[in-house]
Protein backbone atom coordinates (compact mmCIF):
# COMPACT_ATOMS: atom_id res chain seq x y z
CA MET A 1 -4.36 -25.82 -27.95
CA LYS A 2 -5.43 -25.73 -24.31
CA PRO A 3 -6.99 -22.54 -22.93
CA TRP A 4 -4.53 -20.33 -21.07
CA PRO A 5 -6.30 -20.70 -17.69
CA ILE A 6 -5.83 -24.48 -17.85
CA VAL A 7 -2.19 -24.12 -18.84
CA LEU A 8 -1.49 -21.69 -15.99
CA LEU A 9 -3.33 -23.90 -13.52
CA ALA A 10 -1.35 -26.93 -14.66
CA LEU A 11 1.93 -25.04 -14.28
CA TRP A 12 0.98 -23.97 -10.78
CA SER A 13 -0.09 -27.50 -9.91
CA GLY A 14 3.21 -28.93 -11.11
CA LEU A 15 5.04 -26.62 -8.71
CA ALA A 16 2.63 -27.19 -5.87
CA LEU A 17 2.63 -30.95 -6.20
CA ALA A 18 6.40 -31.18 -6.24
CA GLU A 19 6.16 -31.30 -2.44
CA PRO A 20 4.88 -34.49 -0.75
CA LEU A 21 1.12 -34.48 -0.36
CA PRO A 22 0.20 -34.56 3.34
CA GLY A 23 -2.27 -37.15 4.51
CA LEU A 24 -2.41 -39.35 1.39
CA PRO A 25 -1.36 -43.01 1.18
CA PRO A 26 1.68 -43.85 -0.99
CA ASP A 27 1.02 -43.86 -4.72
CA GLU A 28 2.25 -47.43 -5.19
CA ILE A 29 -0.23 -48.69 -2.61
CA VAL A 30 -3.06 -46.78 -4.25
CA ARG A 31 -2.07 -48.30 -7.60
CA LEU A 32 -2.30 -51.81 -6.12
CA ALA A 33 -5.64 -51.03 -4.53
CA LEU A 34 -7.03 -49.86 -7.86
CA GLN A 35 -5.78 -52.67 -10.06
CA ASP A 36 -7.14 -55.35 -7.71
CA HIS A 37 -10.57 -53.75 -7.31
CA PRO A 38 -13.47 -55.79 -8.77
CA ASP A 39 -14.96 -52.72 -10.48
CA THR A 40 -11.66 -52.20 -12.30
CA LEU A 41 -11.55 -55.80 -13.47
CA ALA A 42 -15.18 -55.64 -14.59
CA ALA A 43 -14.53 -52.46 -16.59
CA ALA A 44 -11.49 -54.09 -18.23
CA SER A 45 -13.69 -57.03 -19.24
CA GLU A 46 -16.11 -54.58 -20.84
CA VAL A 47 -13.28 -53.40 -23.09
CA ASP A 48 -12.72 -57.01 -24.17
CA ARG A 49 -16.44 -57.39 -24.80
CA GLU A 50 -16.57 -54.29 -26.98
CA THR A 51 -13.52 -55.52 -28.91
CA ALA A 52 -15.37 -58.73 -29.71
CA ASN A 53 -18.46 -56.71 -30.61
CA ARG A 54 -16.35 -54.60 -33.00
CA ASP A 55 -15.17 -57.77 -34.72
CA ARG A 56 -18.78 -58.97 -34.97
CA LEU A 57 -19.96 -55.72 -36.53
CA THR A 58 -17.06 -55.66 -38.96
CA ALA A 59 -17.77 -59.21 -40.09
CA GLY A 60 -21.50 -58.58 -40.32
CA GLU A 61 -24.32 -60.84 -39.26
CA TYR A 62 -25.23 -62.08 -42.75
CA GLU A 63 -24.22 -65.66 -43.55
CA TRP A 64 -24.72 -68.17 -46.33
CA ASN A 65 -27.96 -70.13 -46.15
CA LEU A 66 -28.10 -73.61 -47.65
CA SER A 67 -31.44 -75.13 -48.43
CA ILE A 68 -31.86 -78.74 -49.64
CA GLY A 69 -35.16 -80.37 -50.51
CA GLY A 70 -36.44 -83.54 -52.09
CA GLN A 71 -39.68 -84.54 -53.72
CA GLN A 72 -41.28 -87.33 -55.72
CA ARG A 73 -43.21 -86.61 -58.88
CA ARG A 74 -45.96 -88.94 -60.13
CA THR A 75 -47.38 -88.57 -63.64
CA ARG A 76 -50.54 -90.18 -65.05
CA PRO A 77 -50.54 -89.37 -68.75
CA PRO A 78 -53.70 -90.47 -70.62
CA GLY A 79 -53.28 -93.75 -72.38
CA SER A 80 -49.89 -94.35 -70.86
CA VAL A 81 -48.33 -96.07 -67.88
CA ASN A 82 -48.02 -94.03 -64.67
CA GLU A 83 -44.50 -92.84 -63.92
CA ASN A 84 -42.67 -91.98 -60.65
CA PHE A 85 -39.66 -89.62 -60.57
CA LYS A 86 -37.37 -88.73 -57.67
CA GLU A 87 -36.37 -85.07 -57.68
CA TRP A 88 -34.25 -82.80 -55.52
CA ASN A 89 -33.36 -79.11 -55.30
CA LEU A 90 -30.61 -77.07 -53.65
CA THR A 91 -30.47 -73.35 -52.96
CA LEU A 92 -27.46 -71.34 -51.78
CA GLU A 93 -28.37 -67.82 -50.67
CA ARG A 94 -26.69 -64.91 -48.86
CA PRO A 95 -27.82 -61.35 -48.07
CA LEU A 96 -25.35 -58.66 -49.08
CA ARG A 97 -24.72 -55.71 -46.76
CA LEU A 98 -24.49 -52.45 -48.67
CA PRO A 99 -21.07 -50.73 -48.46
CA ASP A 100 -22.24 -47.64 -46.57
CA LYS A 101 -23.89 -49.85 -43.96
CA ALA A 102 -20.71 -51.88 -43.54
CA ALA A 103 -18.70 -48.67 -43.03
CA THR A 104 -21.17 -47.42 -40.41
CA ASP A 105 -21.13 -50.75 -38.58
CA ALA A 106 -17.33 -50.65 -38.49
CA GLU A 107 -17.45 -47.10 -37.08
CA ILE A 108 -19.98 -48.17 -34.46
CA GLY A 109 -17.69 -51.00 -33.41
CA ALA A 110 -14.65 -48.73 -33.14
CA SER A 111 -16.64 -46.13 -31.20
CA GLY A 112 -17.84 -48.84 -28.84
CA ILE A 113 -14.25 -49.70 -27.95
CA ILE A 114 -13.46 -46.02 -27.33
CA ARG A 115 -16.54 -45.74 -25.13
CA ALA A 116 -15.56 -48.85 -23.17
CA LYS A 117 -12.06 -47.50 -22.61
CA THR A 118 -13.49 -44.20 -21.42
CA ALA A 119 -15.88 -46.09 -19.15
CA PHE A 120 -12.85 -47.96 -17.81
CA GLY A 121 -11.18 -44.63 -17.03
CA ASP A 122 -14.38 -43.38 -15.43
CA THR A 123 -14.54 -46.49 -13.25
CA ILE A 124 -10.96 -45.95 -12.17
CA HIS A 125 -11.75 -42.32 -11.38
CA GLU A 126 -14.85 -43.17 -9.36
CA THR A 127 -12.87 -45.80 -7.47
CA LYS A 128 -10.23 -43.18 -6.68
CA ARG A 129 -12.97 -40.90 -5.37
CA ASP A 130 -14.35 -43.64 -3.15
CA LEU A 131 -10.87 -44.53 -1.93
CA LEU A 132 -10.18 -40.89 -1.08
CA LYS A 133 -13.50 -40.61 0.77
CA SER A 134 -12.95 -43.84 2.72
CA TRP A 135 -9.37 -42.86 3.55
CA PHE A 136 -10.38 -39.48 4.96
CA ALA A 137 -13.31 -40.99 6.83
CA TRP A 138 -10.72 -43.09 8.65
CA LEU A 139 -8.41 -40.09 9.18
CA LYS A 140 -11.26 -38.02 10.62
CA ALA A 141 -12.36 -40.84 12.92
CA SER A 142 -8.74 -41.36 14.01
CA ALA A 143 -8.29 -37.65 14.71
CA ASN A 144 -11.47 -37.60 16.79
CA ALA A 145 -10.29 -40.64 18.77
CA GLU A 146 -6.89 -39.04 19.36
CA GLU A 147 -8.51 -35.83 20.61
CA TRP A 148 -10.69 -37.73 23.07
CA ALA A 149 -7.72 -39.79 24.24
CA ALA A 150 -5.82 -36.55 24.85
CA GLN A 151 -8.83 -35.10 26.66
CA VAL A 152 -8.95 -38.15 28.94
CA GLU A 153 -5.27 -37.61 29.81
CA LEU A 154 -5.94 -33.95 30.64
CA ILE A 155 -8.92 -34.77 32.85
CA GLU A 156 -6.93 -37.55 34.53
CA ARG A 157 -4.25 -35.04 35.44
CA GLN A 158 -6.93 -32.65 36.62
CA THR A 159 -8.47 -35.40 38.77
CA ARG A 160 -5.11 -36.29 40.32
CA THR A 161 -4.51 -32.63 41.14
CA ILE A 162 -7.90 -32.32 42.82
CA ASN A 163 -7.45 -35.55 44.77
CA ARG A 164 -4.07 -34.35 46.07
CA ARG A 165 -5.65 -31.09 47.18
CA LEU A 166 -8.47 -33.09 48.78
CA GLN A 167 -5.93 -35.10 50.78
CA LEU A 168 -4.30 -31.88 51.90
CA GLY A 169 -7.66 -30.49 52.91
CA ASP A 170 -7.46 -27.78 50.29
CA ALA A 171 -10.40 -28.95 48.15
CA ALA A 172 -13.98 -29.94 48.72
CA ARG A 173 -15.24 -33.49 48.28
CA ARG A 174 -17.67 -32.09 45.73
CA ASP A 175 -14.75 -31.07 43.48
CA SER A 176 -13.42 -34.62 43.51
CA VAL A 177 -16.83 -36.06 42.62
CA GLN A 178 -17.22 -33.58 39.76
CA ALA A 179 -13.76 -34.42 38.44
CA GLU A 180 -14.42 -38.16 38.59
CA ALA A 181 -17.72 -37.66 36.79
CA ALA A 182 -16.06 -35.58 34.07
CA LEU A 183 -13.39 -38.26 33.69
CA ALA A 184 -16.00 -40.99 33.33
CA GLN A 185 -17.82 -38.99 30.66
CA ALA A 186 -14.59 -38.37 28.75
CA GLU A 187 -13.63 -42.05 28.95
CA ALA A 188 -17.04 -43.04 27.57
CA GLN A 189 -16.63 -40.61 24.68
CA ALA A 190 -13.09 -41.91 24.08
CA VAL A 191 -14.36 -45.51 23.90
CA GLN A 192 -17.05 -44.49 21.43
CA ALA A 193 -14.56 -42.54 19.32
CA ALA A 194 -12.16 -45.49 19.29
CA ALA A 195 -14.98 -47.77 18.12
CA GLN A 196 -15.83 -45.36 15.32
CA ARG A 197 -12.18 -45.28 14.30
CA GLU A 198 -12.06 -49.09 14.16
CA ALA A 199 -15.29 -49.19 12.14
CA ALA A 200 -13.91 -46.68 9.63
CA HIS A 201 -10.67 -48.63 9.34
CA ALA A 202 -12.58 -51.89 8.90
CA THR A 203 -14.57 -50.31 6.06
CA LEU A 204 -11.37 -49.06 4.43
CA ARG A 205 -9.48 -52.34 4.59
CA ARG A 206 -12.46 -54.38 3.38
CA ARG A 207 -12.98 -52.13 0.39
CA TYR A 208 -9.27 -51.76 -0.34
CA PRO A 209 -7.23 -54.59 1.24
CA ALA A 210 -3.98 -53.05 -0.05
CA LEU A 211 -4.48 -50.18 2.43
CA ALA A 212 -5.01 -52.44 5.44
CA ARG A 213 -1.56 -51.82 6.95
CA VAL A 214 -0.86 -48.33 5.70
CA GLU A 215 -0.44 -45.62 8.30
CA PRO A 216 -0.77 -41.96 7.30
CA ASP A 217 2.20 -39.64 7.45
CA ALA A 218 2.15 -36.60 9.69
CA ILE A 219 -0.50 -34.19 8.48
CA GLY A 220 0.71 -30.63 8.32
CA GLU A 221 -1.01 -27.39 7.52
CA PRO A 222 -3.27 -27.56 4.46
CA PRO A 223 -2.11 -25.19 1.71
CA ALA A 224 -4.45 -22.56 0.36
CA LEU A 225 -6.26 -23.36 -2.87
CA ALA A 226 -4.62 -21.46 -5.72
CA GLY A 227 -6.29 -20.60 -9.00
CA SER A 228 -9.65 -19.02 -9.71
CA ASP A 229 -12.97 -20.85 -9.77
CA GLU A 230 -13.12 -20.50 -13.56
CA GLU A 231 -9.71 -22.15 -13.92
CA TRP A 232 -10.79 -25.10 -11.80
CA LEU A 233 -14.05 -25.41 -13.73
CA ALA A 234 -12.12 -25.52 -17.02
CA ALA A 235 -9.56 -28.02 -15.70
CA VAL A 236 -12.18 -30.41 -14.30
CA ALA A 237 -14.34 -30.22 -17.44
CA GLU A 238 -11.31 -30.96 -19.63
CA HIS A 239 -10.42 -34.10 -17.69
CA SER A 240 -13.94 -35.30 -16.88
CA HIS A 241 -14.30 -38.98 -17.79
CA GLU A 242 -18.01 -38.72 -17.14
CA LEU A 243 -18.41 -35.95 -19.69
CA ALA A 244 -16.23 -37.77 -22.23
CA LEU A 245 -18.35 -40.86 -21.70
CA ALA A 246 -21.56 -38.89 -22.28
CA ARG A 247 -20.14 -37.42 -25.48
CA GLN A 248 -19.22 -40.86 -26.74
CA GLN A 249 -22.67 -42.15 -25.82
CA THR A 250 -24.10 -39.32 -27.90
CA ARG A 251 -21.82 -40.25 -30.79
CA LEU A 252 -22.91 -43.88 -30.61
CA ALA A 253 -26.58 -42.85 -30.55
CA GLU A 254 -26.02 -40.64 -33.60
CA LEU A 255 -24.30 -43.49 -35.43
CA ALA A 256 -27.16 -45.82 -34.51
CA ALA A 257 -29.63 -43.26 -35.90
CA MET A 258 -27.62 -42.95 -39.11
CA ARG A 259 -27.47 -46.73 -39.40
CA GLN A 260 -31.22 -46.94 -39.02
CA ARG A 261 -31.71 -44.32 -41.75
CA GLN A 262 -29.60 -46.47 -44.02
CA GLU A 263 -32.11 -49.26 -43.52
CA ARG A 264 -34.48 -47.36 -45.83
CA ARG A 265 -32.62 -49.21 -48.58
CA PRO A 266 -32.98 -52.90 -47.78
CA ASP A 267 -30.06 -55.24 -48.26
CA PRO A 268 -30.54 -57.56 -51.25
CA SER A 269 -30.01 -61.29 -51.14
CA VAL A 270 -28.36 -63.18 -53.99
CA GLY A 271 -28.37 -66.89 -54.54
CA LEU A 272 -27.95 -69.87 -56.79
CA ALA A 273 -30.49 -72.63 -57.29
CA PHE A 274 -29.88 -76.18 -58.50
CA SER A 275 -32.51 -78.82 -59.14
CA SER A 276 -32.80 -82.25 -60.64
CA GLU A 277 -36.20 -83.16 -62.10
CA ARG A 278 -37.83 -86.19 -63.65
CA GLY A 279 -35.33 -88.55 -62.14
CA GLY A 280 -32.38 -86.63 -63.51
CA GLU A 281 -33.71 -86.19 -67.03
CA GLU A 282 -33.80 -82.42 -66.44
CA GLN A 283 -31.06 -80.42 -64.69
CA VAL A 284 -31.88 -76.83 -63.81
CA VAL A 285 -29.40 -74.14 -62.72
CA GLY A 286 -30.55 -70.63 -61.88
CA ALA A 287 -29.60 -67.42 -60.07
CA PHE A 288 -31.86 -64.99 -58.27
CA VAL A 289 -31.93 -61.72 -56.34
CA ARG A 290 -34.31 -61.14 -53.44
CA ILE A 291 -35.09 -57.60 -52.20
CA PRO A 292 -37.33 -56.97 -49.15
CA LEU A 293 -39.97 -54.30 -49.55
CA PRO A 294 -39.70 -51.75 -46.69
CA GLY A 295 -42.70 -51.31 -44.42
CA GLY A 296 -43.80 -49.17 -41.51
CA ALA A 297 -41.57 -50.98 -39.02
CA ARG A 298 -38.41 -49.54 -40.59
CA GLN A 299 -39.79 -46.01 -40.43
CA ALA A 300 -40.77 -46.44 -36.77
CA ALA A 301 -37.31 -47.80 -35.94
CA GLU A 302 -35.74 -44.78 -37.66
CA ARG A 303 -37.85 -42.37 -35.62
CA SER A 304 -37.00 -44.24 -32.43
CA ALA A 305 -33.25 -44.08 -33.12
CA ALA A 306 -33.46 -40.36 -33.95
CA ALA A 307 -35.28 -39.70 -30.66
CA ALA A 308 -32.65 -41.70 -28.75
CA ALA A 309 -29.88 -39.59 -30.30
CA ALA A 310 -31.69 -36.38 -29.34
CA ALA A 311 -32.13 -37.67 -25.78
CA ALA A 312 -28.41 -38.45 -25.57
CA ARG A 313 -27.55 -34.91 -26.65
CA TYR A 314 -29.86 -33.44 -24.01
CA ARG A 315 -28.36 -35.69 -21.33
CA GLU A 316 -24.89 -34.53 -22.34
CA ALA A 317 -25.96 -30.88 -22.01
CA ALA A 318 -27.50 -31.58 -18.59
CA LEU A 319 -24.32 -33.33 -17.48
CA ILE A 320 -22.20 -30.30 -18.42
CA ARG A 321 -24.32 -28.19 -16.10
CA GLN A 322 -24.11 -30.79 -13.33
CA ILE A 323 -20.34 -31.04 -13.60
CA ASP A 324 -20.04 -27.25 -13.41
CA LEU A 325 -22.29 -27.24 -10.35
CA ASN A 326 -20.41 -30.05 -8.63
CA THR A 327 -17.04 -28.45 -9.33
CA ALA A 328 -18.22 -25.08 -8.06
CA THR A 329 -19.56 -26.77 -4.92
CA VAL A 330 -16.30 -28.62 -4.23
CA THR A 331 -14.24 -25.49 -4.95
CA HIS A 332 -16.36 -23.45 -2.55
CA ALA A 333 -16.14 -26.24 0.05
CA ALA A 334 -12.34 -26.36 -0.26
CA ARG A 335 -11.97 -22.61 0.19
CA SER A 336 -14.49 -22.50 3.04
CA ALA A 337 -12.86 -25.41 4.86
CA TYR A 338 -9.45 -23.76 4.58
CA ALA A 339 -10.81 -20.48 5.98
CA ALA A 340 -12.61 -22.35 8.76
CA TRP A 341 -9.41 -24.23 9.60
CA GLN A 342 -7.44 -20.97 9.90
CA VAL A 343 -10.00 -19.49 12.28
CA SER A 344 -10.51 -22.66 14.32
CA HIS A 345 -6.76 -23.27 14.53
CA ARG A 346 -6.20 -19.84 16.09
CA ALA A 347 -9.18 -20.35 18.39
CA ALA A 348 -7.84 -23.73 19.54
CA LYS A 349 -4.48 -22.22 20.45
CA GLU A 350 -6.08 -19.37 22.39
CA LEU A 351 -8.53 -21.61 24.21
CA GLU A 352 -5.72 -24.05 25.06
CA GLN A 353 -3.83 -21.17 26.64
CA ALA A 354 -6.99 -20.14 28.48
CA ALA A 355 -7.41 -23.69 29.81
CA ARG A 356 -3.83 -23.73 31.12
CA MET A 357 -4.38 -20.39 32.84
CA ALA A 358 -7.63 -21.63 34.39
CA GLY A 359 -5.81 -24.70 35.71
CA GLN A 360 -3.03 -22.61 37.20
CA ALA A 361 -5.59 -20.30 38.79
CA TYR A 362 -7.41 -23.22 40.36
CA GLN A 363 -4.20 -24.70 41.75
CA LEU A 364 -3.35 -21.32 43.27
CA GLY A 365 -6.80 -21.09 44.78
CA GLU A 366 -7.78 -18.17 42.59
CA GLY A 367 -10.31 -19.92 40.39
CA SER A 368 -13.13 -22.45 40.59
CA LEU A 369 -13.23 -26.01 39.34
CA HIS A 370 -16.19 -25.10 37.17
CA ASP A 371 -14.13 -22.48 35.36
CA TRP A 372 -11.29 -24.95 34.83
CA GLN A 373 -13.58 -27.71 33.53
CA SER A 374 -15.38 -25.25 31.27
CA ALA A 375 -12.07 -24.04 29.84
CA LEU A 376 -10.91 -27.62 29.23
CA ARG A 377 -14.18 -28.45 27.49
CA GLN A 378 -14.00 -25.39 25.26
CA ALA A 379 -10.36 -26.08 24.38
CA HIS A 380 -11.21 -29.68 23.54
CA GLU A 381 -14.13 -28.68 21.32
CA ALA A 382 -11.91 -26.15 19.56
CA HIS A 383 -9.22 -28.78 18.97
CA VAL A 384 -11.77 -31.22 17.56
CA ALA A 385 -13.16 -28.52 15.27
CA ALA A 386 -9.69 -27.48 14.12
CA ARG A 387 -8.64 -31.06 13.33
CA GLY A 388 -11.90 -31.67 11.50
CA ASN A 389 -11.55 -28.49 9.44
CA GLN A 390 -7.92 -29.34 8.70
CA LEU A 391 -8.83 -32.75 7.29
CA GLU A 392 -11.91 -31.40 5.52
CA ALA A 393 -9.78 -28.74 3.80
CA LEU A 394 -7.33 -31.40 2.65
CA GLU A 395 -10.05 -33.78 1.50
CA GLN A 396 -11.92 -31.17 -0.54
CA ARG A 397 -8.67 -29.92 -2.05
CA TYR A 398 -7.62 -33.44 -3.05
CA ARG A 399 -11.09 -34.16 -4.40
CA LEU A 400 -10.79 -31.12 -6.66
CA GLN A 401 -7.26 -32.03 -7.74
CA LEU A 402 -8.36 -35.60 -8.39
CA ASP A 403 -11.14 -34.42 -10.70
CA ALA A 404 -8.61 -32.19 -12.49
CA GLU A 405 -6.20 -35.16 -12.90
CA GLN A 406 -3.50 -33.56 -10.75
CA ILE A 407 -3.03 -36.42 -8.29
CA TRP A 408 -2.94 -40.20 -8.74
CA GLN A 409 -2.42 -39.89 -12.48
CA PHE A 410 -2.24 -43.61 -13.08
CA GLY A 411 -4.47 -46.63 -13.37
CA GLU A 412 -6.03 -46.13 -16.79
CA GLU A 413 -3.17 -47.88 -18.51
């Protein structure tokens, strides 16, 4: 049974995610991007490799050994004629794997397939993370370019207003020069922002060609992050592929240690021997059992496997702490970004109003150009900050939901 916090969080998420998710690409496009990714195909091949390895372990590595030899015997009995005899011998031998070792090998093979499938899911999850990061890098660069393009339009209107006043003799030449300089600076920033947007889009489409022609939907207000930190920690830990992979690595290390302990009892070899001696006068048939005598190498291998299992358990414990830390960091970042967006959004609206009032005051001759330009600059910076915080709040929220398997719940099949 799942803990109640996870159940409640899942119920809330089902209601929250019933609405379209703002800012994300369509699910079907994301699915295509994932299934065509080289990392996905490589991870799928690893599952095939572990399946073949399971079959190898189940069959065992022991095989029949056939040995054939020939010899010639010469006898020199006293007082008799020397004799030559052609002789041959044949040995058929096979080591036998003890039953408990065969069972452990079969379990190791099955666990290897489970580990490979979990690693496949972890690869899909990491690819989703990278896709989300690349997608929002493009959105942020696009938002910055749009803000600078809008700022250029504002300063262009400001420049036209000043030039008209200059023609009417109602403005100083210095105001026109300052306006033209501000316009040139804004245009330079807009060109740089557009280049950054193109670079981010080029990175996105080269990593994920399926997203090359996808345009984001309108991005609305980011919703507040519901649920407590403890609920998110529990949800992420429950769905962590990385943690599941570490646990399976620990299980494989423990099985390998158990298998090495079983090597204290060597596997016997059984065989049949056939020989023909004295030119066929004597026919010999025999059976034999061969048992290796354990030495120090087996004991050292057992200690090594036990240490590897202990190391795997410690790594698993360290990973649990790291996952908790990462989840707490992302949760805090999501809440902080949402709070910052609320504040910066209000500030942007107020500073935009202040910039309009400064422009009206200048046109009425009641304010200076410096005040107007300063107000425009502050409003622009506030808009850029608000857009950045808006996208950051969405990205951190989606990152948390992705780790909790609440969005893009496909790909592992």
